[in-house]
Each structure stands twice: as C-alpha cells, then as structure tokens.
N, C-alpha and C. Protein backbone atom coordinates (compact mmCIF):
# COMPACT_ATOMS: atom_id res chain seq x y z
N MET A 1 -2.11 11.47 1.10
CA MET A 1 -1.95 10.53 1.21
C MET A 1 -1.47 9.49 0.31
N VAL A 2 -0.97 8.32 -0.02
CA VAL A 2 0.01 7.46 -0.89
C VAL A 2 -1.35 6.51 -1.71
N GLU A 3 -0.80 5.92 -3.29
CA GLU A 3 -1.50 5.26 -3.93
C GLU A 3 -0.62 4.15 -4.04
N ALA A 4 -1.57 2.98 -4.00
CA ALA A 4 -0.62 1.97 -4.48
C ALA A 4 -1.60 0.88 -5.16
N TYR A 5 -1.32 -0.06 -5.51
CA TYR A 5 -1.96 -0.76 -6.72
C TYR A 5 -2.64 -1.66 -6.25
N CYS A 6 -3.81 -1.58 -6.54
CA CYS A 6 -4.99 -2.89 -6.03
C CYS A 6 -5.16 -4.01 -6.71
N VAL A 7 -4.67 -5.81 -6.51
CA VAL A 7 -4.58 -6.52 -7.63
C VAL A 7 -6.17 -6.77 -7.66
N LYS A 8 -7.08 -7.03 -6.29
CA LYS A 8 -8.50 -7.37 -7.14
C LYS A 8 -9.61 -6.51 -7.56
N CYS A 9 -9.03 -4.64 -7.65
CA CYS A 9 -9.82 -3.96 -8.18
C CYS A 9 -9.25 -3.60 -9.50
N ARG A 10 -7.48 -4.07 -9.94
CA ARG A 10 -6.71 -3.79 -10.79
C ARG A 10 -6.91 -2.27 -11.07
N ALA A 11 -6.46 -1.11 -9.88
CA ALA A 11 -6.57 -0.19 -10.39
C ALA A 11 -5.52 0.75 -8.95
N LYS A 12 -5.06 1.54 -9.29
CA LYS A 12 -4.90 2.46 -8.06
C LYS A 12 -5.20 3.16 -7.61
N ARG A 13 -5.19 2.74 -5.97
CA ARG A 13 -6.16 3.50 -5.23
C ARG A 13 -5.68 4.03 -4.26
N GLU A 14 -6.22 5.26 -3.17
CA GLU A 14 -5.45 5.74 -2.12
C GLU A 14 -5.70 4.51 -1.09
N VAL A 15 -3.94 4.36 -0.31
CA VAL A 15 -3.88 3.99 0.61
C VAL A 15 -5.04 4.34 2.23
N LYS A 16 -5.65 3.19 2.48
CA LYS A 16 -6.83 2.83 3.97
C LYS A 16 -5.90 3.13 4.61
N ASP A 17 -5.49 3.70 6.42
CA ASP A 17 -4.35 3.36 7.61
C ASP A 17 -3.11 2.73 6.88
N PRO A 18 -2.59 3.89 6.37
CA PRO A 18 -1.37 3.78 5.56
C PRO A 18 -0.49 3.49 6.75
N GLN A 19 0.64 2.46 7.00
CA GLN A 19 1.91 1.88 7.89
C GLN A 19 3.13 2.00 7.19
N GLU A 20 4.37 2.81 8.17
CA GLU A 20 5.44 2.43 7.01
C GLU A 20 6.20 0.92 7.19
N THR A 21 6.70 0.28 6.79
CA THR A 21 7.66 -0.04 7.07
C THR A 21 8.96 -0.87 6.52
N LYS A 22 9.50 -1.65 6.67
CA LYS A 22 10.57 -1.88 6.01
C LYS A 22 10.65 -3.31 5.30
N LEU A 23 11.36 -3.57 4.32
CA LEU A 23 11.66 -4.54 3.73
C LEU A 23 12.78 -5.41 4.39
N LYS A 24 13.04 -6.47 4.34
CA LYS A 24 14.37 -7.48 4.66
C LYS A 24 15.85 -6.77 4.40
N ASN A 25 16.10 -6.23 3.07
CA ASN A 25 16.77 -5.89 2.78
C ASN A 25 16.78 -3.78 3.27
N GLY A 26 16.31 -3.61 3.88
CA GLY A 26 16.08 -2.18 4.22
C GLY A 26 15.36 -0.94 3.83
N ARG A 27 14.84 -1.68 2.89
CA ARG A 27 14.32 -0.37 1.70
C ARG A 27 12.88 -0.06 2.58
N PRO A 28 12.37 1.05 2.18
CA PRO A 28 11.26 1.49 3.24
C PRO A 28 10.15 0.93 2.19
N ALA A 29 8.95 0.70 2.89
CA ALA A 29 7.60 0.27 1.94
C ALA A 29 6.64 0.97 2.79
N VAL A 30 5.12 0.42 2.25
CA VAL A 30 4.10 1.51 3.03
C VAL A 30 2.83 0.37 2.81
N LYS A 31 1.97 0.04 3.96
CA LYS A 31 1.18 -1.13 3.89
C LYS A 31 0.13 -0.67 4.37
N GLY A 32 -1.30 -1.15 3.73
CA GLY A 32 -2.40 -0.44 4.21
C GLY A 32 -3.57 -1.30 3.44
N THR A 33 -4.81 -0.79 3.62
CA THR A 33 -6.12 -1.33 2.95
C THR A 33 -6.09 -0.81 1.83
N CYS A 34 -7.26 -1.09 0.67
CA CYS A 34 -7.80 -0.94 0.19
C CYS A 34 -9.00 -0.26 0.56
N PRO A 35 -9.33 1.08 0.56
CA PRO A 35 -11.06 1.46 0.98
C PRO A 35 -12.27 1.16 -0.28
N THR A 36 -11.75 0.45 -1.42
CA THR A 36 -13.13 0.14 -1.72
C THR A 36 -13.48 -1.81 -1.79
N CYS A 37 -12.50 -2.59 -1.64
CA CYS A 37 -12.69 -3.84 -1.36
C CYS A 37 -12.36 -4.27 -0.09
N GLY A 38 -11.09 -3.39 0.68
CA GLY A 38 -10.80 -4.30 1.96
C GLY A 38 -9.64 -4.68 1.83
N THR A 39 -9.14 -5.15 0.62
CA THR A 39 -7.93 -5.62 0.36
C THR A 39 -6.51 -5.32 0.80
N ASN A 40 -5.63 -6.24 1.33
CA ASN A 40 -4.51 -5.74 1.53
C ASN A 40 -3.70 -5.13 0.30
N VAL A 41 -3.44 -4.17 0.44
CA VAL A 41 -2.16 -3.40 -0.17
C VAL A 41 -0.56 -3.20 -0.03
N PHE A 42 -0.03 -2.99 -0.57
CA PHE A 42 1.54 -2.97 -0.33
C PHE A 42 2.16 -2.42 -1.60
N ARG A 43 3.01 -1.06 -0.87
CA ARG A 43 4.09 -0.21 -2.20
C ARG A 43 4.97 -0.17 -1.34
N ILE A 44 6.22 -0.38 -2.37
CA ILE A 44 7.65 -0.08 -2.15
C ILE A 44 8.22 1.13 -2.63
N GLY A 45 8.44 1.63 -1.23
CA GLY A 45 8.97 3.53 -1.26
C GLY A 45 8.32 3.99 0.33
N LYS A 46 8.88 5.21 -0.30
CA LYS A 46 8.32 6.41 0.73
C LYS A 46 6.96 6.71 0.80
N MET A 47 6.50 7.26 1.79
CA MET A 47 5.26 7.86 1.75
C MET A 47 4.97 9.12 1.05
C-alpha cells in the first residue's frame, strides 16, 4: 500500500482507496483518503 501524510492527524497513514492521477506538468501522483479521519490525502510520486 501507499503511505501519505495526513494534515489533520499530523502523521503518515496508509492511503485508503488509492487512485493514480497526473499533475498538470505530467508527474505521477496518488489520491486517496485517510482511514482514521476520512480526510483526502495526496502524495506526489508513483504507487
């Protein structure tokens, strides 16, 4: 699984329902939700 930093929890969490996306400049990124609080989390880089 992918880890991303949750701003609300102030900790790294496993991403729930990760989805691969691309930024405007073409770099890969991963979007998902925090399993603890349900906030959207985002990480730049591949899965």
